[in-house]
Each structure stands twice: as C-alpha cells, then as structure tokens.
Amino acid sequence: MKRILLEVFLVAALIGAGVFGFMNQKQASVSKAKITELNAAVEAAEKSAKEKEESIKGAEEEMQALQQELTTLEGKANQLEAVKAALASGSTLSDLENAYKKEKTLSAERQAGMGALRMLTKGTEDPGALEAFRKALQLSELGDRKNTICAAQLGLVAAGEKIKVMADCLPKSEKAGSGDKEEKDSHDKDDGKGKKDDGKGKGKDDGHSHGKKDDGHGAKKDEKHAAAHWDYEGEMGPEKWGKEFPTCGKGKSQSPLDIKGPFVKSRMVVSADYKEGALKMINNGHTIQVNTPPGSKLRVDGIVHELLQFHFHKPSEEKIDGKPMAMVVHFVHKNADGKLAVLGVLLKEGNENPGIKTLWANLPKEQNVEYLPEGVNFNPGNLLPREFDFYSYEGSLTTPPCTEGVRFFILKTTVNIAKEQVQAFPFKMNARPVQPLNGRELLSN
C-alpha cells in the first residue's frame, strides 16, 4: 500500500514539474517577445529622435539662411527708399523729360529707364510709367536687349499688370520652383530640333531682331542655358508665337511676305558700303549669324544705317510670286534713331558661292559661343549682287517679339549657292511662313 502511494506521489510530482516547466517556458517566450518589441520600440524612438534632431538642425540652417536673406533684402529696401527719397521732388524726372523732348524717338533702353524713373518718383500706379514700359517691350529685341525686356516686364508686374514674364527674367528662387516646370514644359522640347547633326534649328535668332551682336537668339535647350521661348515647328511653332508674344499674332505689318504685284514705284536711293573685318560667327540655335565690326553701312536716301550683323534662313523667308529660294541672307542695320533696315539677298541653287565657302569652312563648333577663327577676315559685300534693284515694304522682325516698324529691301537679283552648300547649312528649316499683306504698299524701284 505504501508503495502504491509513493508511486502516485511521484507521478503527481512529475506532472506538476512538467506543468511548471511548461508555464515557465511559455512565460519566457512571452518575455522574449516583449523584449524584442521593446527593443524595436527603442530603435524606432532613437531613429525618430535622430530624424527630429536633423529636422531641427535643417530648420535652424534654413532660418539662418532666411535671416541672411532678410538682412540683404532690408539693405536693398533701404537703398530703394534712399533712391525714392532723392527723386521725390520730381526735378530729376522733369530734367530728363525735357532732355528727351529733343529726341524724335526714344530707344527701348531709354523707354525702360523712363518707366523706372517715373515709377520711383510717382509710384507704381503712374500711367506714364506703364506706357513707357509697354513702349520698351514693343521696341525691344531679344539678345543684347534681354535686360530691357526683363526690366519692362518686371516693371509692369510691379504695377499690377497681369503679363507673362520670360523665364530668363524671373528671380532665381522662382526659377527653381514653378519656373522650372514652365521652362521644361515650354522650352525643353528636345526633339533634336536644335542640334547641328539633325539640322533643325532651335534657339533665338529672329532673323531681324538683331540689335547688335548676338541679339537674341541664342538659347540652348538644356537647363543650364536660357530658355528658347519659340521654335519653327511643333508646340512652340509660328502659329503659337502669339500666345507669348502678342504682336506676332495681332500685328498688321508682319514679315516675311510673298512679294507679288501690283507694285508702287519707289524713288528711294539705296546703296551698300560694306568693309572687310575680322570674322565673328555664332550658332545661336536658330541660325548662323555673323557679327560685323563698325564701318559697314547701308544708305537709304542718304540716311546712314550701320550694319550690325547678317544671318541666314533656309528656305528663304520671302517668296517671289509664291516661290521661295533655297536660302536668304538678311543684313540687319540700324540708324541713329534706332530704326531697323533689313537688306535681303535671295540665294538661288546653282554654282558654288566663294563667300559661303569661307563662312561654312569656319562654322562655330559650339552653340551660343561667338567664334573668332584666327586670321580670317570677311567682307559682307562678297554676298551682294552687282545690281541693286529692290522690292521694299514696311514689316517686322520675323521672330518673337515680332516688333513692327522694320523697313525691308529685298534685292531682285539673286546670288548663287551650291546645292551642297545648302545641305551643309546646320539647320534643316528656320523660316517663318509668309504673313498677310493687310493693305500695305509693295514698292519696286
């Protein structure tokens, strides 16, 4: 009997020990899981704390940068207030207005300067300031007058006008934000149209906007360069120019034209006196442009127009009785009053042109960089025919901003250019379509 009781006791003890061990093992598993969970929570908390620390550090750095920017802006604001105080009497504005009364016309730069001075003297609501800025935009040409365009556009914006400002004119902070998207959407249409190897031109040469030197027209399409606000085809082609440059769409005296009769007899006397000078060329993304040194002149009824530059279009922008030529070279001039005159020489496919041969042998290897081949001189007169009979009309720049008031002289006599030379031109097409005559007189001498 004792033995049976002992065996029962031992069995009970073993069962109790097993249950105890199982409970301890289960408790250990639960504890281990809690420890793992707590470790994960600690790591997450440490990571969060680190991120917050970095966020706080970043915020502190941004705050310091903003404080520095604020200090700079306060300095500029103080400078502006000092300028406004100095001009408050209006005597400076009055003196300048009296001085300008002697001028028949004011240049774009002077109009922009007048607008700025009126705004500083009389405030942003001064109608004279707005009118001066608008005139500056009408007269301005891209390129060496980009700063004038920016000044006029920003002046109008400051006065509350709702106009579209070129991406190049925006402050850096705005360019880095919404401006980047606009520039990408509107101007980085990299269809291969601006590359020399595929021949389709992108950039900024109007053909006639051309103030002096690189007037306008050089903008590469990558983000490191100025945005090209128009193109010769596609989404930014000529039919869309009017959206950003109203005169291109609404102007009534636009170029180029299809030149055909009837003609009005002209008695104007036109002659060219071009001089040899160092060759300076630029591929501005829209054309090949040759910048000329002072000394070459076009005389129209004795009035001297200085040759600024000449450039090429393929095919010719002008048509004669509905037919274009292989190419055209436009010689861009300006007189003392700022009036532009363009002499157009039509290039007809035929024999090799020695002058073109010299130019094409020295084509720029980079876009938007003026190229001066060492020891190479060129006389623009080499591209002129002997005869100087012409058609003439009042037109416009043939690219944005399409400013009107440009006198065109298209020579009747063509000049030869070889087929291979036409093919070697690094743009497949860079010609604006012909525009409506809208009742203008076509002159012929």
Protein backbone atom coordinates (compact mmCIF):
# COMPACT_ATOMS: atom_id res chain seq x y z
CA MET A 1 0.00 0.00 0.00
CA LYS A 2 2.83 2.39 0.87
CA ARG A 3 4.46 1.57 -2.46
CA ILE A 4 1.30 2.47 -4.39
CA LEU A 5 1.02 5.77 -2.54
CA LEU A 6 4.66 6.54 -3.27
CA GLU A 7 4.21 5.84 -6.96
CA VAL A 8 1.11 8.06 -7.08
CA PHE A 9 3.02 10.83 -5.34
CA LEU A 10 5.92 10.53 -7.75
CA VAL A 11 3.59 10.63 -10.79
CA ALA A 12 1.85 13.70 -9.36
CA ALA A 13 5.22 15.36 -8.74
CA LEU A 14 6.34 14.65 -12.28
CA ILE A 15 3.11 16.07 -13.71
CA GLY A 16 3.45 19.15 -11.55
CA ALA A 17 7.07 19.61 -12.59
CA GLY A 18 6.08 19.30 -16.28
CA VAL A 19 3.27 21.82 -15.94
CA PHE A 20 5.58 24.21 -14.07
CA GLY A 21 8.27 23.85 -16.70
CA PHE A 22 5.79 24.41 -19.49
CA MET A 23 4.42 27.54 -17.80
CA ASN A 24 7.92 28.87 -17.27
CA GLN A 25 8.81 28.21 -20.91
CA LYS A 26 5.65 29.97 -22.07
CA GLN A 27 6.35 32.90 -19.79
CA ALA A 28 9.91 33.05 -21.10
CA SER A 29 8.63 33.17 -24.69
CA VAL A 30 6.24 35.97 -23.82
CA SER A 31 9.01 37.88 -22.07
CA LYS A 32 11.34 37.39 -25.01
CA ALA A 33 8.70 38.71 -27.40
CA LYS A 34 8.16 41.75 -25.17
CA ILE A 35 11.89 42.36 -25.01
CA THR A 36 12.09 42.17 -28.82
CA GLU A 37 9.14 44.54 -29.11
CA LEU A 38 10.67 46.92 -26.59
CA ASN A 39 13.99 46.86 -28.46
CA ALA A 40 12.20 47.66 -31.71
CA ALA A 41 10.33 50.48 -29.98
CA VAL A 42 13.59 51.84 -28.58
CA GLU A 43 15.24 51.71 -32.03
CA ALA A 44 12.24 53.44 -33.60
CA ALA A 45 12.30 56.07 -30.89
CA GLU A 46 16.03 56.62 -31.40
CA LYS A 47 15.54 56.87 -35.17
CA SER A 48 12.65 59.29 -34.73
CA ALA A 49 14.70 61.36 -32.32
CA LYS A 50 17.59 61.43 -34.79
CA GLU A 51 15.29 62.48 -37.62
CA LYS A 52 13.77 65.20 -35.46
CA GLU A 53 17.24 66.32 -34.48
CA GLU A 54 18.24 66.52 -38.15
CA SER A 55 14.97 68.27 -38.96
CA ILE A 56 15.59 70.80 -36.21
CA LYS A 57 19.14 71.29 -37.47
CA GLY A 58 17.85 71.78 -41.03
CA ALA A 59 15.24 74.23 -39.81
CA GLU A 60 17.90 76.15 -37.92
CA GLU A 61 20.10 76.32 -41.01
CA GLU A 62 17.14 77.43 -43.14
CA MET A 63 16.31 80.03 -40.51
CA GLN A 64 19.87 81.34 -40.63
CA ALA A 65 19.73 81.50 -44.43
CA LEU A 66 16.40 83.35 -44.29
CA GLN A 67 17.81 85.76 -41.73
CA GLN A 68 20.78 86.45 -44.02
CA GLU A 69 18.44 86.91 -46.98
CA LEU A 70 16.24 89.20 -44.88
CA THR A 71 19.29 91.26 -43.95
CA THR A 72 20.19 91.55 -47.63
CA LEU A 73 16.63 92.48 -48.56
CA GLU A 74 16.50 95.07 -45.80
CA GLY A 75 19.67 96.59 -47.19
CA LYS A 76 18.20 96.69 -50.69
CA ALA A 77 14.95 98.11 -49.36
CA ASN A 78 16.88 100.86 -47.60
CA GLN A 79 18.76 101.60 -50.82
CA LEU A 80 15.49 101.78 -52.72
CA GLU A 81 13.98 104.11 -50.14
CA ALA A 82 17.06 106.32 -50.39
CA VAL A 83 16.71 106.46 -54.18
CA LYS A 84 13.00 107.23 -53.94
CA ALA A 85 13.66 109.97 -51.40
CA ALA A 86 16.28 111.51 -53.68
CA LEU A 87 13.84 111.51 -56.60
CA ALA A 88 10.76 112.55 -54.61
CA SER A 89 10.90 116.22 -55.67
CA GLY A 90 10.45 115.22 -59.31
CA SER A 91 13.14 117.60 -60.55
CA THR A 92 15.29 114.76 -61.92
CA LEU A 93 12.32 113.33 -63.80
CA SER A 94 11.46 116.79 -65.13
CA ASP A 95 15.03 117.36 -66.30
CA LEU A 96 15.13 114.03 -68.10
CA GLU A 97 11.76 114.58 -69.75
CA ASN A 98 12.90 117.99 -71.00
CA ALA A 99 16.10 116.46 -72.36
CA TYR A 100 14.18 113.72 -74.16
CA LYS A 101 11.81 116.21 -75.79
CA LYS A 102 14.59 116.95 -78.27
CA GLU A 103 14.61 113.31 -79.40
CA LYS A 104 12.31 112.23 -82.23
CA THR A 105 12.07 108.71 -80.86
CA LEU A 106 13.35 107.01 -77.74
CA SER A 107 15.17 103.69 -77.76
CA ALA A 108 13.89 100.69 -75.83
CA GLU A 109 16.51 101.24 -73.13
CA ARG A 110 15.50 104.88 -72.67
CA GLN A 111 11.83 103.97 -72.54
CA ALA A 112 12.53 101.36 -69.85
CA GLY A 113 14.68 103.87 -67.94
CA MET A 114 11.95 106.48 -68.17
CA GLY A 115 9.40 103.97 -66.89
CA ALA A 116 11.62 103.07 -63.95
CA LEU A 117 12.28 106.71 -63.08
CA ARG A 118 8.58 107.60 -63.24
CA MET A 119 7.70 104.60 -61.07
CA LEU A 120 10.29 105.54 -58.46
CA THR A 121 9.16 109.18 -58.50
CA LYS A 122 5.39 108.86 -58.81
CA GLY A 123 4.65 105.30 -57.72
CA THR A 124 3.54 102.08 -59.37
CA GLU A 125 0.17 103.49 -60.46
CA ASP A 126 1.64 106.21 -62.66
CA PRO A 127 0.15 105.73 -66.17
CA GLY A 128 3.22 107.31 -67.75
CA ALA A 129 5.42 104.59 -66.26
CA LEU A 130 3.18 101.85 -67.62
CA GLU A 131 3.14 103.43 -71.08
CA ALA A 132 6.93 103.73 -71.10
CA PHE A 133 7.36 100.07 -70.14
CA ARG A 134 4.91 98.99 -72.85
CA LYS A 135 6.78 101.00 -75.46
CA ALA A 136 10.06 99.46 -74.29
CA LEU A 137 8.62 95.98 -74.87
CA GLN A 138 7.40 96.96 -78.33
CA LEU A 139 10.83 98.25 -79.31
CA SER A 140 12.94 95.59 -77.64
CA GLU A 141 14.71 92.78 -79.38
CA LEU A 142 15.87 89.60 -77.72
CA GLY A 143 19.56 89.14 -77.10
CA ASP A 144 21.55 92.19 -76.19
CA ARG A 145 18.23 93.77 -75.14
CA LYS A 146 17.07 90.91 -72.97
CA ASN A 147 17.76 93.03 -69.89
CA THR A 148 15.49 95.76 -71.26
CA ILE A 149 12.70 93.24 -71.86
CA CYS A 150 13.11 91.93 -68.32
CA ALA A 151 13.08 95.44 -66.87
CA ALA A 152 9.91 96.33 -68.74
CA GLN A 153 8.12 93.08 -67.91
CA LEU A 154 9.01 93.20 -64.22
CA GLY A 155 8.09 96.88 -64.10
CA LEU A 156 4.62 96.11 -65.44
CA VAL A 157 4.23 93.22 -62.98
CA ALA A 158 5.22 95.55 -60.13
CA ALA A 159 2.44 97.88 -61.27
CA GLY A 160 -0.08 95.05 -61.06
CA GLU A 161 -0.26 94.19 -64.75
CA LYS A 162 -1.03 90.54 -65.47
CA ILE A 163 1.52 89.62 -68.11
CA LYS A 164 3.64 86.55 -68.68
CA VAL A 165 7.25 87.10 -67.67
CA MET A 166 10.01 85.30 -69.55
CA ALA A 167 11.67 82.56 -67.53
CA ASP A 168 15.03 84.31 -68.00
CA CYS A 169 13.66 87.36 -66.18
CA LEU A 170 12.42 85.53 -63.08
CA PRO A 171 14.35 85.70 -59.80
CA LYS A 172 16.43 82.62 -59.02
CA SER A 173 14.02 81.46 -56.32
CA GLU A 174 11.11 81.47 -58.75
CA LYS A 175 13.15 79.77 -61.45
CA ALA A 176 13.96 76.98 -59.01
CA GLY A 177 10.27 76.49 -58.28
CA SER A 178 7.40 76.87 -60.69
CA GLY A 179 9.66 78.40 -63.28
CA ASP A 180 11.50 75.12 -63.76
CA LYS A 181 8.30 73.38 -64.75
CA GLU A 182 7.37 76.15 -67.15
CA GLU A 183 10.81 76.06 -68.68
CA LYS A 184 10.69 72.32 -69.03
CA ASP A 185 7.15 72.22 -70.39
CA SER A 186 7.51 75.16 -72.73
CA HIS A 187 11.06 75.05 -73.85
CA ASP A 188 12.77 71.75 -73.40
CA LYS A 189 11.13 70.17 -76.39
CA ASP A 190 14.24 68.26 -77.16
CA ASP A 191 13.12 66.74 -80.38
CA GLY A 192 16.53 67.01 -81.83
CA LYS A 193 15.44 70.20 -83.50
CA GLY A 194 18.19 72.30 -82.15
CA LYS A 195 21.07 70.01 -82.81
CA LYS A 196 23.50 70.57 -85.55
CA ASP A 197 23.56 66.97 -86.72
CA ASP A 198 19.84 66.71 -87.35
CA GLY A 199 19.64 70.15 -88.74
CA LYS A 200 16.50 71.51 -87.19
CA GLY A 201 17.04 74.88 -85.66
CA LYS A 202 16.21 75.90 -82.13
CA GLY A 203 17.32 78.98 -80.43
CA LYS A 204 16.75 82.61 -80.76
CA ASP A 205 17.59 84.38 -83.92
CA ASP A 206 14.75 86.17 -85.38
CA GLY A 207 16.44 86.96 -88.27
CA HIS A 208 15.88 90.55 -87.61
CA SER A 209 15.56 91.26 -84.02
CA HIS A 210 19.08 91.72 -84.04
CA GLY A 211 20.24 94.61 -82.27
CA LYS A 212 23.94 94.46 -82.18
CA LYS A 213 25.97 91.33 -81.97
CA ASP A 214 24.19 88.32 -80.54
CA ASP A 215 20.79 89.83 -80.44
CA GLY A 216 18.65 87.43 -79.32
CA HIS A 217 18.70 84.46 -80.30
CA GLY A 218 20.88 82.19 -78.60
CA ALA A 219 19.39 79.82 -76.15
CA LYS A 220 20.33 76.26 -75.73
CA LYS A 221 17.66 73.94 -74.63
CA ASP A 222 19.20 72.43 -71.53
CA GLU A 223 18.58 73.81 -68.08
CA LYS A 224 21.96 75.49 -67.93
CA HIS A 225 21.05 77.96 -70.65
CA ALA A 226 18.35 80.46 -71.40
CA ALA A 227 15.04 79.03 -72.40
CA ALA A 228 14.03 79.28 -76.03
CA HIS A 229 10.50 80.65 -75.95
CA TRP A 230 9.62 79.74 -79.52
CA ASP A 231 10.50 77.38 -82.31
CA TYR A 232 9.93 76.95 -86.03
CA GLU A 233 7.63 73.97 -85.67
CA GLY A 234 5.83 71.85 -83.08
CA GLU A 235 4.18 73.10 -79.92
CA MET A 236 6.15 76.36 -79.98
CA GLY A 237 5.90 76.87 -83.74
CA PRO A 238 4.98 80.14 -85.52
CA GLU A 239 1.23 79.61 -85.16
CA LYS A 240 1.69 79.62 -81.35
CA TRP A 241 4.02 82.62 -81.06
CA GLY A 242 1.13 85.00 -80.44
CA LYS A 243 0.33 83.37 -77.09
CA GLU A 244 3.51 84.66 -75.51
CA PHE A 245 4.30 87.49 -77.92
CA PRO A 246 1.00 89.25 -78.83
CA THR A 247 2.40 91.28 -81.72
CA CYS A 248 3.27 88.05 -83.55
CA GLY A 249 -0.41 87.14 -83.63
CA LYS A 250 -2.15 90.52 -83.75
CA GLY A 251 0.30 92.68 -85.69
CA LYS A 252 -0.89 94.02 -89.04
CA SER A 253 2.54 94.69 -90.59
CA GLN A 254 4.29 91.37 -90.11
CA SER A 255 7.14 89.80 -92.09
CA PRO A 256 8.01 87.96 -94.28
CA LEU A 257 5.80 88.48 -97.33
CA ASP A 258 5.00 86.79 -100.61
CA ILE A 259 6.20 89.56 -102.95
CA LYS A 260 3.99 89.97 -105.98
CA GLY A 261 2.37 92.85 -107.84
CA PRO A 262 0.89 95.31 -108.14
CA PHE A 263 3.81 97.49 -107.09
CA VAL A 264 4.14 101.18 -106.29
CA LYS A 265 7.06 102.92 -107.98
CA SER A 266 9.80 103.78 -105.49
CA ARG A 267 12.23 106.67 -105.86
CA MET A 268 14.33 105.70 -102.86
CA VAL A 269 18.06 105.53 -103.42
CA VAL A 270 19.66 102.60 -101.63
CA SER A 271 23.35 101.65 -101.61
CA ALA A 272 25.64 99.47 -99.52
CA ASP A 273 29.21 100.18 -98.49
CA TYR A 274 30.49 97.14 -96.61
CA LYS A 275 34.02 96.80 -95.21
CA GLU A 276 36.22 93.79 -94.57
CA GLY A 277 36.74 92.87 -90.93
CA ALA A 278 37.62 90.03 -88.59
CA LEU A 279 35.16 87.16 -88.93
CA LYS A 280 32.97 86.66 -85.86
CA MET A 281 30.32 83.95 -86.05
CA ILE A 282 27.78 82.42 -83.72
CA ASN A 283 25.39 79.49 -83.97
CA ASN A 284 22.67 80.87 -81.74
CA GLY A 285 20.42 77.85 -82.01
CA HIS A 286 18.25 79.36 -84.74
CA THR A 287 20.68 80.40 -87.42
CA ILE A 288 24.28 81.09 -88.30
CA GLN A 289 24.90 84.74 -87.55
CA VAL A 290 27.95 86.85 -88.44
CA ASN A 291 28.53 89.82 -86.15
CA THR A 292 30.18 92.68 -88.02
CA PRO A 293 32.57 95.36 -86.73
CA PRO A 294 31.63 99.05 -87.15
CA GLY A 295 32.21 100.63 -90.52
CA SER A 296 29.86 98.82 -92.92
CA LYS A 297 26.87 100.94 -93.90
CA LEU A 298 23.62 100.94 -95.84
CA ARG A 299 22.45 104.32 -97.10
CA VAL A 300 18.75 104.91 -97.70
CA ASP A 301 18.15 108.31 -99.29
CA GLY A 302 21.40 109.44 -97.73
CA ILE A 303 20.50 108.28 -94.20
CA VAL A 304 23.21 106.01 -92.80
CA HIS A 305 22.26 102.65 -91.30
CA GLU A 306 25.09 100.79 -89.56
CA LEU A 307 25.41 97.08 -90.39
CA LEU A 308 25.09 95.12 -87.15
CA GLN A 309 25.08 91.53 -88.36
CA PHE A 310 23.86 89.20 -91.06
CA HIS A 311 22.37 85.73 -90.85
CA PHE A 312 20.70 83.02 -92.94
CA HIS A 313 17.30 81.38 -93.36
CA LYS A 314 16.52 78.10 -95.12
CA PRO A 315 14.49 78.18 -97.28
CA SER A 316 14.15 81.90 -98.00
CA GLU A 317 11.55 83.50 -95.77
CA GLU A 318 10.43 85.80 -98.59
CA LYS A 319 8.71 84.35 -101.62
CA ILE A 320 8.60 85.89 -105.08
CA ASP A 321 5.27 85.23 -106.82
CA GLY A 322 4.65 82.37 -104.42
CA LYS A 323 8.03 80.69 -104.87
CA PRO A 324 10.80 80.56 -102.22
CA MET A 325 14.51 80.40 -102.98
CA ALA A 326 16.95 77.88 -101.49
CA MET A 327 18.04 80.36 -98.80
CA VAL A 328 18.18 84.05 -97.98
CA VAL A 329 20.77 86.14 -96.20
CA HIS A 330 19.43 89.06 -94.15
CA PHE A 331 21.72 92.03 -93.45
CA VAL A 332 20.45 93.87 -90.38
CA HIS A 333 21.12 97.61 -89.99
CA LYS A 334 20.15 100.36 -87.56
CA ASN A 335 20.23 104.13 -87.98
CA ALA A 336 20.91 106.80 -85.36
CA ASP A 337 17.21 106.91 -84.41
CA GLY A 338 17.12 103.17 -83.74
CA LYS A 339 15.18 102.38 -86.92
CA LEU A 340 15.96 98.94 -88.34
CA ALA A 341 16.51 98.25 -92.03
CA VAL A 342 16.95 94.74 -93.41
CA LEU A 343 18.57 94.07 -96.78
CA GLY A 344 17.62 90.64 -98.10
CA VAL A 345 19.65 88.75 -100.70
CA LEU A 346 17.97 85.66 -102.12
CA LEU A 347 20.25 82.66 -102.66
CA LYS A 348 19.39 80.52 -105.67
CA GLU A 349 20.67 76.97 -106.11
CA GLY A 350 23.43 76.97 -108.71
CA ASN A 351 27.22 77.34 -108.72
CA GLU A 352 29.36 77.30 -105.59
CA ASN A 353 29.47 80.59 -103.71
CA PRO A 354 33.04 81.55 -102.66
CA GLY A 355 31.83 83.75 -99.81
CA ILE A 356 29.63 80.99 -98.42
CA LYS A 357 32.55 78.58 -98.78
CA THR A 358 34.64 80.77 -96.45
CA LEU A 359 31.83 81.05 -93.91
CA TRP A 360 30.91 77.37 -93.91
CA ALA A 361 34.60 76.43 -93.51
CA ASN A 362 34.58 78.32 -90.21
CA LEU A 363 31.23 77.31 -88.72
CA PRO A 364 31.16 77.51 -84.90
CA LYS A 365 31.65 74.15 -83.22
CA GLU A 366 29.61 75.14 -80.16
CA GLN A 367 26.20 76.71 -79.82
CA ASN A 368 25.83 80.20 -78.33
CA VAL A 369 29.56 80.86 -78.24
CA GLU A 370 30.93 83.54 -80.57
CA TYR A 371 33.67 82.01 -82.71
CA LEU A 372 36.58 84.11 -83.99
CA PRO A 373 38.69 81.97 -86.33
CA GLU A 374 42.24 83.20 -86.09
CA GLY A 375 43.45 85.28 -89.02
CA VAL A 376 40.19 85.04 -91.02
CA ASN A 377 38.68 88.26 -92.40
CA PHE A 378 35.47 88.61 -94.36
CA ASN A 379 33.75 91.33 -96.37
CA PRO A 380 29.92 91.08 -96.26
CA GLY A 381 29.91 92.70 -99.71
CA ASN A 382 31.08 89.36 -101.09
CA LEU A 383 27.50 88.14 -100.73
CA LEU A 384 25.89 91.02 -102.64
CA PRO A 385 24.93 91.03 -106.32
CA ARG A 386 26.15 93.82 -108.58
CA GLU A 387 22.66 95.10 -109.35
CA PHE A 388 20.74 96.86 -106.59
CA ASP A 389 17.16 96.88 -107.84
CA PHE A 390 14.83 96.03 -104.98
CA TYR A 391 11.36 95.44 -103.62
CA SER A 392 10.58 97.26 -100.39
CA TYR A 393 7.90 97.25 -97.70
CA GLU A 394 7.32 98.11 -94.06
CA GLY A 395 7.44 94.96 -91.95
CA SER A 396 8.53 93.44 -88.67
CA LEU A 397 11.05 91.20 -87.00
CA THR A 398 10.42 87.74 -88.39
CA THR A 399 10.68 86.11 -84.97
CA PRO A 400 9.42 86.96 -81.49
CA PRO A 401 8.74 89.56 -80.29
CA CYS A 402 7.79 90.37 -83.94
CA THR A 403 8.25 94.12 -83.37
CA GLU A 404 6.96 96.17 -86.29
CA GLY A 405 8.47 99.22 -87.96
CA VAL A 406 11.28 97.42 -89.81
CA ARG A 407 11.95 98.55 -93.40
CA PHE A 408 12.77 95.66 -95.75
CA PHE A 409 14.69 95.86 -99.01
CA ILE A 410 14.67 92.56 -100.95
CA LEU A 411 17.07 92.63 -103.90
CA LYS A 412 15.63 91.43 -107.20
CA THR A 413 18.90 89.91 -108.38
CA THR A 414 19.67 86.54 -106.80
CA VAL A 415 23.08 85.13 -105.84
CA ASN A 416 24.15 81.55 -106.48
CA ILE A 417 24.70 78.92 -103.81
CA ALA A 418 25.63 75.30 -104.48
CA LYS A 419 23.24 72.50 -103.53
CA GLU A 420 25.97 71.01 -101.32
CA GLN A 421 26.35 74.37 -99.55
CA VAL A 422 22.61 74.50 -98.88
CA GLN A 423 22.76 70.98 -97.45
CA ALA A 424 25.77 71.92 -95.28
CA PHE A 425 23.80 74.67 -93.52
CA PRO A 426 23.30 73.29 -89.99
CA PHE A 427 19.54 73.89 -89.86
CA LYS A 428 17.02 71.90 -91.82
CA MET A 429 14.42 74.68 -91.71
CA ASN A 430 14.41 78.07 -89.99
CA ALA A 431 11.94 80.21 -91.91
CA ARG A 432 8.74 81.83 -90.69
CA PRO A 433 5.74 81.39 -93.02
CA VAL A 434 4.71 84.41 -95.12
CA GLN A 435 2.29 86.82 -93.46
CA PRO A 436 -0.82 88.70 -94.72
CA LEU A 437 -0.18 91.90 -96.64
CA ASN A 438 -3.05 93.70 -94.87
CA GLY A 439 -3.21 96.54 -97.41
CA ARG A 440 0.47 97.51 -97.24
CA GLU A 441 2.18 99.01 -100.26
CA LEU A 442 4.81 96.94 -102.03
CA LEU A 443 7.40 99.23 -103.55
CA SER A 444 9.64 98.50 -106.54
CA ASN A 445 12.33 100.74 -107.98
